[in-house]
Amino acid sequence: MPAVTDTATDFQDLTRFMADCRKRVEARMAQLLPDHASASPRLADAMRYAALGGGKRIRPMLAYAACLLAGGRMEDADVPAVVIELIHAYSLVHDDLPAMDDDDLRRGQPTCHIAFDEATAILAGDTLHTLAFELLSVAGDYADTQRVNMIRKLSQAAGADGMAAGQMQDMQANGQALTLAALEEIHYLKTGRLITAALTLGALAANADAPTREALRRYGDAIGLAFQIQDDILDVTAETAALGKPSGSDLRHAKSTFPGLIGIDASRTRAAQLCQQACASLDDPAQGGNASLLRDLAAYIIARTH
């Protein structure tokens, strides 16, 4: 497993891969999002603002890396990479709304409801969500069974037994003292399910075999929880300028977090354990350098500073 550092600069291959993925997915999103020729230019502007306004693009990177691991090409994962980021963008737009986290800064810019208005932000989130499933149904060169499987997996990850359920549990838990198991379940649902879906969609786009898909699921489940633990840590330790969103937001909203429950050091230890667990899941179907990208991504996820 790569050594964990506080920067991605030690991971030269990963740094290049990440830059390529960001460039690729952002170009494809710019092509596929509605523009001023659409029925509502203001809605199109809000959608583009939310989806194209920066971000780490970790989920698209995972989709591309999973596709490569399964023997596919970068272009095979273009549609999964776009749709997973559209779902992520929609969730952030809604998460920032006054009825939820009521944040006014995202990725260093005013949140969508501040830049536009609350009603426009709600509709932009709704439409990013529906566009993702439309693209899975028609875009790219996939067999019908691939499309159906990708739509089903994404629906499950984002819906009543996935991200939305995690968001609901998270809001209901405000101000409550949770057990570690309950907190892990919230993080798994709210963040982990969509991260695992990114890997699954990339694998399905490459027609991955069942053992590879299972290994990627185990990797995703572990690294998805690690990702949210690192977010919890950064909310306490990082400055707003570095985060691109208000620091200390979890404390202000009385959210249960790993640092609040077990402390910063134990949280870092748990994230590192999950990183090792994720990498170990790749031992059987590992395919040389393709698997090394996912191992490096796991290390980066818990070493990132924003």
C-alpha atoms as a PDB file:
ATOM      1  CA  MET A   1       0.000   0.000   0.000  1.00  0.00           C
ATOM      2  CA  PRO A   2       1.341   3.511  -0.783  1.00  0.00           C
ATOM      3  CA  ALA A   3       2.569   5.488   2.186  1.00  0.00           C
ATOM      4  CA  VAL A   4       0.020   7.984   3.435  1.00  0.00           C
ATOM      5  CA  THR A   5       1.193  11.571   3.228  1.00  0.00           C
ATOM      6  CA  ASP A   6      -0.513  14.937   3.525  1.00  0.00           C
ATOM      7  CA  THR A   7      -0.353  15.617  -0.178  1.00  0.00           C
ATOM      8  CA  ALA A   8      -0.968  13.867  -3.483  1.00  0.00           C
ATOM      9  CA  THR A   9       2.304  15.144  -4.964  1.00  0.00           C
ATOM     10  CA  ASP A  10       4.144  11.947  -3.973  1.00  0.00           C
ATOM     11  CA  PHE A  11       1.802   9.956  -6.211  1.00  0.00           C
ATOM     12  CA  GLN A  12       3.099  11.009  -9.609  1.00  0.00           C
ATOM     13  CA  ASP A  13       1.090   8.528 -11.679  1.00  0.00           C
ATOM     14  CA  LEU A  14      -2.014   9.234  -9.638  1.00  0.00           C
ATOM     15  CA  THR A  15      -1.585  13.004  -9.988  1.00  0.00           C
ATOM     16  CA  ARG A  16      -1.482  12.679 -13.773  1.00  0.00           C
ATOM     17  CA  PHE A  17      -4.427  10.287 -13.763  1.00  0.00           C
ATOM     18  CA  MET A  18      -6.494  12.625 -11.587  1.00  0.00           C
ATOM     19  CA  ALA A  19      -5.769  15.582 -13.853  1.00  0.00           C
ATOM     20  CA  ASP A  20      -6.719  13.549 -16.930  1.00  0.00           C
ATOM     21  CA  CYS A  21      -9.953  12.383 -15.290  1.00  0.00           C
ATOM     22  CA  ARG A  22     -10.957  15.895 -14.225  1.00  0.00           C
ATOM     23  CA  LYS A  23     -10.312  17.279 -17.691  1.00  0.00           C
ATOM     24  CA  ARG A  24     -12.144  14.425 -19.365  1.00  0.00           C
ATOM     25  CA  VAL A  25     -15.267  14.365 -17.176  1.00  0.00           C
ATOM     26  CA  GLU A  26     -15.615  18.151 -17.114  1.00  0.00           C
ATOM     27  CA  ALA A  27     -15.414  18.329 -20.908  1.00  0.00           C
ATOM     28  CA  ARG A  28     -18.078  15.630 -21.227  1.00  0.00           C
ATOM     29  CA  MET A  29     -20.327  17.297 -18.652  1.00  0.00           C
ATOM     30  CA  ALA A  30     -20.023  20.621 -20.480  1.00  0.00           C
ATOM     31  CA  GLN A  31     -21.193  18.878 -23.659  1.00  0.00           C
ATOM     32  CA  LEU A  32     -24.082  16.998 -22.046  1.00  0.00           C
ATOM     33  CA  LEU A  33     -25.542  19.614 -19.698  1.00  0.00           C
ATOM     34  CA  PRO A  34     -28.295  21.855 -21.105  1.00  0.00           C
ATOM     35  CA  ASP A  35     -27.299  25.307 -22.301  1.00  0.00           C
ATOM     36  CA  HIS A  36     -29.024  28.547 -23.323  1.00  0.00           C
ATOM     37  CA  ALA A  37     -30.758  26.780 -26.202  1.00  0.00           C
ATOM     38  CA  SER A  38     -32.806  24.799 -23.661  1.00  0.00           C
ATOM     39  CA  ALA A  39     -36.372  25.601 -22.616  1.00  0.00           C
ATOM     40  CA  SER A  40     -35.167  27.455 -19.488  1.00  0.00           C
ATOM     41  CA  PRO A  41     -31.807  29.216 -19.796  1.00  0.00           C
ATOM     42  CA  ARG A  42     -31.871  30.154 -16.105  1.00  0.00           C
ATOM     43  CA  LEU A  43     -32.337  26.538 -15.070  1.00  0.00           C
ATOM     44  CA  ALA A  44     -29.531  25.513 -17.443  1.00  0.00           C
ATOM     45  CA  ASP A  45     -27.262  28.174 -15.925  1.00  0.00           C
ATOM     46  CA  ALA A  46     -27.958  26.905 -12.403  1.00  0.00           C
ATOM     47  CA  MET A  47     -27.317  23.289 -13.413  1.00  0.00           C
ATOM     48  CA  ARG A  48     -24.028  24.209 -15.064  1.00  0.00           C
ATOM     49  CA  TYR A  49     -23.044  26.348 -12.083  1.00  0.00           C
ATOM     50  CA  ALA A  50     -23.611  23.447  -9.697  1.00  0.00           C
ATOM     51  CA  ALA A  51     -21.973  20.753 -11.806  1.00  0.00           C
ATOM     52  CA  LEU A  52     -19.068  22.616 -13.404  1.00  0.00           C
ATOM     53  CA  GLY A  53     -18.036  24.894 -10.537  1.00  0.00           C
ATOM     54  CA  GLY A  54     -15.000  22.925  -9.417  1.00  0.00           C
ATOM     55  CA  GLY A  55     -14.640  19.908  -7.183  1.00  0.00           C
ATOM     56  CA  LYS A  56     -12.221  17.045  -6.671  1.00  0.00           C
ATOM     57  CA  ARG A  57     -14.087  14.673  -9.048  1.00  0.00           C
ATOM     58  CA  ILE A  58     -13.163  11.695  -6.873  1.00  0.00           C
ATOM     59  CA  ARG A  59     -16.217   9.676  -7.902  1.00  0.00           C
ATOM     60  CA  PRO A  60     -15.521   9.970 -11.652  1.00  0.00           C
ATOM     61  CA  MET A  61     -11.899   9.014 -10.978  1.00  0.00           C
ATOM     62  CA  LEU A  62     -13.089   5.873  -9.217  1.00  0.00           C
ATOM     63  CA  ALA A  63     -15.372   5.028 -12.148  1.00  0.00           C
ATOM     64  CA  TYR A  64     -12.505   5.400 -14.619  1.00  0.00           C
ATOM     65  CA  ALA A  65     -10.084   3.428 -12.429  1.00  0.00           C
ATOM     66  CA  ALA A  66     -12.578   0.584 -11.952  1.00  0.00           C
ATOM     67  CA  CYS A  67     -13.208   0.426 -15.680  1.00  0.00           C
ATOM     68  CA  LEU A  68      -9.468   0.197 -16.376  1.00  0.00           C
ATOM     69  CA  LEU A  69      -9.052  -2.489 -13.720  1.00  0.00           C
ATOM     70  CA  ALA A  70     -11.749  -4.532 -15.471  1.00  0.00           C
ATOM     71  CA  GLY A  71      -9.969  -4.269 -18.799  1.00  0.00           C
ATOM     72  CA  GLY A  72     -11.983  -1.403 -20.269  1.00  0.00           C
ATOM     73  CA  ARG A  73     -10.922   1.880 -21.850  1.00  0.00           C
ATOM     74  CA  MET A  74     -11.242   5.398 -20.461  1.00  0.00           C
ATOM     75  CA  GLU A  75     -13.943   6.205 -23.024  1.00  0.00           C
ATOM     76  CA  ASP A  76     -16.017   3.244 -21.842  1.00  0.00           C
ATOM     77  CA  ALA A  77     -16.444   4.985 -18.484  1.00  0.00           C
ATOM     78  CA  ASP A  78     -17.248   8.495 -19.746  1.00  0.00           C
ATOM     79  CA  VAL A  79     -20.999   8.187 -19.199  1.00  0.00           C
ATOM     80  CA  PRO A  80     -20.743   6.564 -15.745  1.00  0.00           C
ATOM     81  CA  ALA A  81     -18.219   9.229 -14.733  1.00  0.00           C
ATOM     82  CA  VAL A  82     -20.556  12.023 -15.815  1.00  0.00           C
ATOM     83  CA  VAL A  83     -23.705  10.592 -14.259  1.00  0.00           C
ATOM     84  CA  ILE A  84     -22.084   9.821 -10.901  1.00  0.00           C
ATOM     85  CA  GLU A  85     -20.859  13.412 -10.708  1.00  0.00           C
ATOM     86  CA  LEU A  86     -24.292  14.761 -11.670  1.00  0.00           C
ATOM     87  CA  ILE A  87     -25.870  12.768  -8.844  1.00  0.00           C
ATOM     88  CA  HIS A  88     -23.190  14.032  -6.468  1.00  0.00           C
ATOM     89  CA  ALA A  89     -23.740  17.629  -7.615  1.00  0.00           C
ATOM     90  CA  TYR A  90     -27.500  17.350  -7.146  1.00  0.00           C
ATOM     91  CA  SER A  91     -26.996  16.016  -3.622  1.00  0.00           C
ATOM     92  CA  LEU A  92     -24.732  18.943  -2.722  1.00  0.00           C
ATOM     93  CA  VAL A  93     -27.190  21.516  -4.079  1.00  0.00           C
ATOM     94  CA  HIS A  94     -29.971  20.061  -1.950  1.00  0.00           C
ATOM     95  CA  ASP A  95     -27.696  19.463   1.056  1.00  0.00           C
ATOM     96  CA  ASP A  96     -26.752  23.166   1.112  1.00  0.00           C
ATOM     97  CA  LEU A  97     -30.375  24.375   1.140  1.00  0.00           C
ATOM     98  CA  PRO A  98     -31.770  26.237   4.181  1.00  0.00           C
ATOM     99  CA  ALA A  99     -34.023  23.265   4.985  1.00  0.00           C
ATOM    100  CA  MET A 100     -30.974  20.998   5.318  1.00  0.00           C
ATOM    101  CA  ASP A 101     -27.465  22.258   6.176  1.00  0.00           C
ATOM    102  CA  ASP A 102     -28.124  25.915   5.243  1.00  0.00           C
ATOM    103  CA  ASP A 103     -24.608  26.561   3.926  1.00  0.00           C
ATOM    104  CA  ASP A 104     -23.694  29.571   1.815  1.00  0.00           C
ATOM    105  CA  LEU A 105     -20.316  28.424   0.477  1.00  0.00           C
ATOM    106  CA  ARG A 106     -19.408  25.404  -1.665  1.00  0.00           C
ATOM    107  CA  ARG A 107     -16.138  24.816  -3.526  1.00  0.00           C
ATOM    108  CA  GLY A 108     -15.080  28.336  -2.636  1.00  0.00           C
ATOM    109  CA  GLN A 109     -18.121  29.873  -4.351  1.00  0.00           C
ATOM    110  CA  PRO A 110     -21.619  30.886  -3.196  1.00  0.00           C
ATOM    111  CA  THR A 111     -23.876  27.851  -2.994  1.00  0.00           C
ATOM    112  CA  CYS A 112     -26.449  27.427  -5.744  1.00  0.00           C
ATOM    113  CA  HIS A 113     -29.368  28.855  -3.755  1.00  0.00           C
ATOM    114  CA  ILE A 114     -27.268  31.920  -2.869  1.00  0.00           C
ATOM    115  CA  ALA A 115     -25.995  32.462  -6.418  1.00  0.00           C
ATOM    116  CA  PHE A 116     -29.507  32.043  -7.856  1.00  0.00           C
ATOM    117  CA  ASP A 117     -32.401  31.528  -5.433  1.00  0.00           C
ATOM    118  CA  GLU A 118     -33.828  28.689  -3.388  1.00  0.00           C
ATOM    119  CA  ALA A 119     -36.500  27.598  -5.868  1.00  0.00           C
ATOM    120  CA  THR A 120     -34.034  27.605  -8.759  1.00  0.00           C
ATOM    121  CA  ALA A 121     -31.566  25.551  -6.724  1.00  0.00           C
ATOM    122  CA  ILE A 122     -34.226  22.954  -5.916  1.00  0.00           C
ATOM    123  CA  LEU A 123     -35.148  22.633  -9.569  1.00  0.00           C
ATOM    124  CA  ALA A 124     -31.488  22.529 -10.635  1.00  0.00           C
ATOM    125  CA  GLY A 125     -30.868  19.659  -8.227  1.00  0.00           C
ATOM    126  CA  ASP A 126     -33.977  17.850  -9.401  1.00  0.00           C
ATOM    127  CA  THR A 127     -32.944  18.180 -13.028  1.00  0.00           C
ATOM    128  CA  LEU A 128     -29.336  17.128 -12.488  1.00  0.00           C
ATOM    129  CA  HIS A 129     -30.802  13.998 -10.916  1.00  0.00           C
ATOM    130  CA  THR A 130     -33.123  13.208 -13.818  1.00  0.00           C
ATOM    131  CA  LEU A 131     -30.462  14.011 -16.420  1.00  0.00           C
ATOM    132  CA  ALA A 132     -28.154  11.393 -14.902  1.00  0.00           C
ATOM    133  CA  PHE A 133     -30.676   8.615 -15.501  1.00  0.00           C
ATOM    134  CA  GLU A 134     -31.563   9.912 -18.967  1.00  0.00           C
ATOM    135  CA  LEU A 135     -27.886   9.720 -19.949  1.00  0.00           C
ATOM    136  CA  LEU A 136     -27.543   6.172 -18.631  1.00  0.00           C
ATOM    137  CA  SER A 137     -30.532   5.192 -20.769  1.00  0.00           C
ATOM    138  CA  VAL A 138     -29.339   6.688 -24.073  1.00  0.00           C
ATOM    139  CA  ALA A 139     -25.728   7.934 -24.044  1.00  0.00           C
ATOM    140  CA  GLY A 140     -22.656   5.889 -24.828  1.00  0.00           C
ATOM    141  CA  ASP A 141     -22.241   2.523 -26.510  1.00  0.00           C
ATOM    142  CA  TYR A 142     -23.646  -0.087 -24.119  1.00  0.00           C
ATOM    143  CA  ALA A 143     -25.799  -3.166 -24.409  1.00  0.00           C
ATOM    144  CA  ASP A 144     -29.322  -2.892 -23.012  1.00  0.00           C
ATOM    145  CA  THR A 145     -28.417  -5.204 -20.118  1.00  0.00           C
ATOM    146  CA  GLN A 146     -25.510  -2.935 -19.181  1.00  0.00           C
ATOM    147  CA  ARG A 147     -27.798   0.103 -19.179  1.00  0.00           C
ATOM    148  CA  VAL A 148     -30.425  -1.604 -17.033  1.00  0.00           C
ATOM    149  CA  ASN A 149     -27.822  -2.826 -14.553  1.00  0.00           C
ATOM    150  CA  MET A 150     -26.189   0.601 -14.293  1.00  0.00           C
ATOM    151  CA  ILE A 151     -29.547   2.333 -13.784  1.00  0.00           C
ATOM    152  CA  ARG A 152     -30.535  -0.198 -11.133  1.00  0.00           C
ATOM    153  CA  LYS A 153     -27.259   0.091  -9.217  1.00  0.00           C
ATOM    154  CA  LEU A 154     -27.307   3.897  -9.278  1.00  0.00           C
ATOM    155  CA  SER A 155     -30.970   4.015  -8.212  1.00  0.00           C
ATOM    156  CA  GLN A 156     -30.248   1.744  -5.269  1.00  0.00           C
ATOM    157  CA  ALA A 157     -27.204   3.745  -4.213  1.00  0.00           C
ATOM    158  CA  ALA A 158     -28.951   7.127  -4.365  1.00  0.00           C
ATOM    159  CA  GLY A 159     -32.396   6.193  -3.054  1.00  0.00           C
ATOM    160  CA  ALA A 160     -34.315   4.997  -0.017  1.00  0.00           C
ATOM    161  CA  ASP A 161     -31.676   2.417   0.962  1.00  0.00           C
ATOM    162  CA  GLY A 162     -28.706   4.589   0.016  1.00  0.00           C
ATOM    163  CA  MET A 163     -27.658   8.226  -0.032  1.00  0.00           C
ATOM    164  CA  ALA A 164     -31.119   9.700   0.622  1.00  0.00           C
ATOM    165  CA  ALA A 165     -31.611   7.376   3.584  1.00  0.00           C
ATOM    166  CA  GLY A 166     -28.235   8.417   4.962  1.00  0.00           C
ATOM    167  CA  GLN A 167     -29.123  12.090   4.631  1.00  0.00           C
ATOM    168  CA  MET A 168     -32.398  11.495   6.449  1.00  0.00           C
ATOM    169  CA  GLN A 169     -30.684   9.585   9.247  1.00  0.00           C
ATOM    170  CA  ASP A 170     -28.028  12.294   9.459  1.00  0.00           C
ATOM    171  CA  MET A 171     -30.635  15.028   9.961  1.00  0.00           C
ATOM    172  CA  GLN A 172     -32.568  12.967  12.497  1.00  0.00           C
ATOM    173  CA  ALA A 173     -29.355  12.381  14.459  1.00  0.00           C
ATOM    174  CA  ASN A 174     -28.601  16.099  14.953  1.00  0.00           C
ATOM    175  CA  GLY A 175     -27.967  16.780  18.617  1.00  0.00           C
ATOM    176  CA  GLN A 176     -28.013  13.097  19.535  1.00  0.00           C
ATOM    177  CA  ALA A 177     -25.239  10.934  20.941  1.00  0.00           C
ATOM    178  CA  LEU A 178     -24.857   8.057  18.486  1.00  0.00           C
ATOM    179  CA  THR A 179     -23.096   4.756  18.918  1.00  0.00           C
ATOM    180  CA  LEU A 180     -20.107   4.127  16.675  1.00  0.00           C
ATOM    181  CA  ALA A 181     -22.089   1.510  14.736  1.00  0.00           C
ATOM    182  CA  ALA A 182     -24.957   3.935  14.121  1.00  0.00           C
ATOM    183  CA  LEU A 183     -22.565   6.649  12.943  1.00  0.00           C
ATOM    184  CA  GLU A 184     -20.798   4.236  10.593  1.00  0.00           C
ATOM    185  CA  GLU A 185     -24.157   3.245   9.103  1.00  0.00           C
ATOM    186  CA  ILE A 186     -25.056   6.895   8.426  1.00  0.00           C
ATOM    187  CA  HIS A 187     -21.685   7.539   6.789  1.00  0.00           C
ATOM    188  CA  TYR A 188     -21.915   4.335   4.772  1.00  0.00           C
ATOM    189  CA  LEU A 189     -25.346   5.267   3.425  1.00  0.00           C
ATOM    190  CA  LYS A 190     -24.811   8.999   2.951  1.00  0.00           C
ATOM    191  CA  THR A 191     -21.379   8.841   1.321  1.00  0.00           C
ATOM    192  CA  GLY A 192     -20.242   5.259   0.882  1.00  0.00           C
ATOM    193  CA  ARG A 193     -23.082   3.973  -1.266  1.00  0.00           C
ATOM    194  CA  LEU A 194     -22.449   6.524  -4.028  1.00  0.00           C
ATOM    195  CA  ILE A 195     -18.697   5.925  -3.937  1.00  0.00           C
ATOM    196  CA  THR A 196     -19.271   2.186  -4.329  1.00  0.00           C
ATOM    197  CA  ALA A 197     -21.744   2.924  -7.137  1.00  0.00           C
ATOM    198  CA  ALA A 198     -19.062   4.868  -9.006  1.00  0.00           C
ATOM    199  CA  LEU A 199     -16.840   1.798  -8.984  1.00  0.00           C
ATOM    200  CA  THR A 200     -19.714  -0.515  -9.876  1.00  0.00           C
ATOM    201  CA  LEU A 201     -20.789   1.588 -12.849  1.00  0.00           C
ATOM    202  CA  GLY A 202     -17.212   1.751 -14.130  1.00  0.00           C
ATOM    203  CA  ALA A 203     -16.930  -2.016 -13.814  1.00  0.00           C
ATOM    204  CA  LEU A 204     -20.263  -2.631 -15.548  1.00  0.00           C
ATOM    205  CA  ALA A 205     -19.231  -0.345 -18.407  1.00  0.00           C
ATOM    206  CA  ALA A 206     -16.278  -2.690 -18.982  1.00  0.00           C
ATOM    207  CA  ASN A 207     -18.359  -5.872 -18.610  1.00  0.00           C
ATOM    208  CA  ALA A 208     -16.356  -6.863 -15.536  1.00  0.00           C
ATOM    209  CA  ASP A 209     -16.729 -10.407 -14.272  1.00  0.00           C
ATOM    210  CA  ALA A 210     -18.449 -11.157 -10.956  1.00  0.00           C
ATOM    211  CA  PRO A 211     -15.253 -11.600  -8.853  1.00  0.00           C
ATOM    212  CA  THR A 212     -13.924  -8.230 -10.021  1.00  0.00           C
ATOM    213  CA  ARG A 213     -17.237  -6.513  -9.287  1.00  0.00           C
ATOM    214  CA  GLU A 214     -17.285  -8.066  -5.805  1.00  0.00           C
ATOM    215  CA  ALA A 215     -13.718  -6.973  -5.091  1.00  0.00           C
ATOM    216  CA  LEU A 216     -14.578  -3.440  -6.187  1.00  0.00           C
ATOM    217  CA  ARG A 217     -17.682  -3.465  -3.995  1.00  0.00           C
ATOM    218  CA  ARG A 218     -15.593  -4.385  -0.950  1.00  0.00           C
ATOM    219  CA  TYR A 219     -13.036  -1.721  -1.878  1.00  0.00           C
ATOM    220  CA  GLY A 220     -15.776   0.886  -2.301  1.00  0.00           C
ATOM    221  CA  ASP A 221     -17.545   0.068   0.950  1.00  0.00           C
ATOM    222  CA  ALA A 222     -14.287   0.487   2.876  1.00  0.00           C
ATOM    223  CA  ILE A 223     -13.011   3.585   1.124  1.00  0.00           C
ATOM    224  CA  GLY A 224     -16.450   5.229   1.157  1.00  0.00           C
ATOM    225  CA  LEU A 225     -16.504   5.141   4.948  1.00  0.00           C
ATOM    226  CA  ALA A 226     -12.878   6.295   5.083  1.00  0.00           C
ATOM    227  CA  PHE A 227     -13.738   9.216   2.800  1.00  0.00           C
ATOM    228  CA  GLN A 228     -16.469  10.456   5.158  1.00  0.00           C
ATOM    229  CA  ILE A 229     -14.264  10.001   8.235  1.00  0.00           C
ATOM    230  CA  GLN A 230     -11.646  12.195   6.544  1.00  0.00           C
ATOM    231  CA  ASP A 231     -14.353  14.768   5.785  1.00  0.00           C
ATOM    232  CA  ASP A 232     -15.260  14.749   9.490  1.00  0.00           C
ATOM    233  CA  ILE A 233     -11.613  15.291  10.405  1.00  0.00           C
ATOM    234  CA  LEU A 234     -11.173  18.128   7.911  1.00  0.00           C
ATOM    235  CA  ASP A 235     -14.294  19.878   9.170  1.00  0.00           C
ATOM    236  CA  VAL A 236     -12.474  20.207  12.508  1.00  0.00           C
ATOM    237  CA  THR A 237      -8.881  20.729  11.380  1.00  0.00           C
ATOM    238  CA  ALA A 238      -8.973  22.614   8.066  1.00  0.00           C
ATOM    239  CA  GLU A 239      -9.623  26.280   7.366  1.00  0.00           C
ATOM    240  CA  THR A 240     -12.586  27.463   5.293  1.00  0.00           C
ATOM    241  CA  ALA A 241     -10.277  28.715   2.530  1.00  0.00           C
ATOM    242  CA  ALA A 242      -8.747  25.259   2.133  1.00  0.00           C
ATOM    243  CA  LEU A 243     -12.047  23.383   2.367  1.00  0.00           C
ATOM    244  CA  GLY A 244     -13.942  25.630  -0.039  1.00  0.00           C
ATOM    245  CA  LYS A 245     -16.913  25.433   2.349  1.00  0.00           C
ATOM    246  CA  PRO A 246     -17.474  26.634   5.911  1.00  0.00           C
ATOM    247  CA  SER A 247     -15.273  24.808   8.416  1.00  0.00           C
ATOM    248  CA  GLY A 248     -16.866  23.767  11.686  1.00  0.00           C
ATOM    249  CA  SER A 249     -20.200  23.181   9.963  1.00  0.00           C
ATOM    250  CA  ASP A 250     -20.718  19.823  11.680  1.00  0.00           C
ATOM    251  CA  LEU A 251     -20.316  21.374  15.124  1.00  0.00           C
ATOM    252  CA  ARG A 252     -22.691  24.239  14.315  1.00  0.00           C
ATOM    253  CA  HIS A 253     -25.342  21.760  13.191  1.00  0.00           C
ATOM    254  CA  ALA A 254     -24.747  19.513  16.220  1.00  0.00           C
ATOM    255  CA  LYS A 255     -23.914  16.574  13.960  1.00  0.00           C
ATOM    256  CA  SER A 256     -22.425  13.366  15.243  1.00  0.00           C
ATOM    257  CA  THR A 257     -18.941  12.899  13.800  1.00  0.00           C
ATOM    258  CA  PHE A 258     -16.043  10.519  14.249  1.00  0.00           C
ATOM    259  CA  PRO A 259     -13.769  13.134  15.897  1.00  0.00           C
ATOM    260  CA  GLY A 260     -16.606  14.087  18.221  1.00  0.00           C
ATOM    261  CA  LEU A 261     -17.248  10.466  19.141  1.00  0.00           C
ATOM    262  CA  ILE A 262     -13.777   8.902  19.312  1.00  0.00           C
ATOM    263  CA  GLY A 263     -11.337  11.808  18.866  1.00  0.00           C
ATOM    264  CA  ILE A 264      -9.069  12.960  16.023  1.00  0.00           C
ATOM    265  CA  ASP A 265      -6.283  10.398  16.501  1.00  0.00           C
ATOM    266  CA  ALA A 266      -8.620   7.419  16.696  1.00  0.00           C
ATOM    267  CA  SER A 267     -10.502   8.735  13.656  1.00  0.00           C
ATOM    268  CA  ARG A 268      -7.277   8.871  11.662  1.00  0.00           C
ATOM    269  CA  THR A 269      -6.418   5.349  12.785  1.00  0.00           C
ATOM    270  CA  ARG A 270      -9.829   4.061  11.713  1.00  0.00           C
ATOM    271  CA  ALA A 271      -9.521   5.752   8.297  1.00  0.00           C
ATOM    272  CA  ALA A 272      -6.083   4.188   7.792  1.00  0.00           C
ATOM    273  CA  GLN A 273      -7.444   0.755   8.728  1.00  0.00           C
ATOM    274  CA  LEU A 274     -10.217   1.140   6.167  1.00  0.00           C
ATOM    275  CA  CYS A 275      -7.684   2.225   3.541  1.00  0.00           C
ATOM    276  CA  GLN A 276      -5.681  -0.956   4.161  1.00  0.00           C
ATOM    277  CA  GLN A 277      -8.874  -3.023   4.052  1.00  0.00           C
ATOM    278  CA  ALA A 278      -9.845  -1.452   0.728  1.00  0.00           C
ATOM    279  CA  CYS A 279      -6.456  -2.157  -0.826  1.00  0.00           C
ATOM    280  CA  ALA A 280      -6.452  -5.747   0.422  1.00  0.00           C
ATOM    281  CA  SER A 281      -9.720  -6.368  -1.439  1.00  0.00           C
ATOM    282  CA  LEU A 282      -7.865  -5.809  -4.739  1.00  0.00           C
ATOM    283  CA  ASP A 283      -5.323  -8.582  -4.207  1.00  0.00           C
ATOM    284  CA  ASP A 284      -7.158 -11.309  -6.132  1.00  0.00           C
ATOM    285  CA  PRO A 285      -8.233  -9.573  -9.365  1.00  0.00           C
ATOM    286  CA  ALA A 286      -5.422  -6.967  -9.377  1.00  0.00           C
ATOM    287  CA  GLN A 287      -4.171  -6.199 -12.864  1.00  0.00           C
ATOM    288  CA  GLY A 288      -0.793  -4.519 -12.474  1.00  0.00           C
ATOM    289  CA  GLY A 289      -0.764  -0.775 -12.806  1.00  0.00           C
ATOM    290  CA  ASN A 290      -4.548  -0.580 -13.068  1.00  0.00           C
ATOM    291  CA  ALA A 291      -4.932  -1.812  -9.497  1.00  0.00           C
ATOM    292  CA  SER A 292      -2.165   0.515  -8.316  1.00  0.00           C
ATOM    293  CA  LEU A 293      -4.317   3.494  -9.328  1.00  0.00           C
ATOM    294  CA  LEU A 294      -7.052   2.372  -6.953  1.00  0.00           C
ATOM    295  CA  ARG A 295      -4.548   1.722  -4.183  1.00  0.00           C
ATOM    296  CA  ASP A 296      -3.098   5.200  -4.644  1.00  0.00           C
ATOM    297  CA  LEU A 297      -6.602   6.697  -4.709  1.00  0.00           C
ATOM    298  CA  ALA A 298      -7.357   5.002  -1.399  1.00  0.00           C
ATOM    299  CA  ALA A 299      -4.239   6.520   0.145  1.00  0.00           C
ATOM    300  CA  TYR A 300      -5.037   9.934  -1.332  1.00  0.00           C
ATOM    301  CA  ILE A 301      -8.578   9.900   0.005  1.00  0.00           C
ATOM    302  CA  ILE A 302      -7.400   9.732   3.609  1.00  0.00           C
ATOM    303  CA  ALA A 303      -4.402  12.032   3.045  1.00  0.00           C
ATOM    304  CA  ARG A 304      -6.238  14.878   1.300  1.00  0.00           C
ATOM    305  CA  THR A 305      -6.405  18.283   2.948  1.00  0.00           C
ATOM    306  CA  HIS A 306      -9.645  19.487   1.388  1.00  0.00           C
END
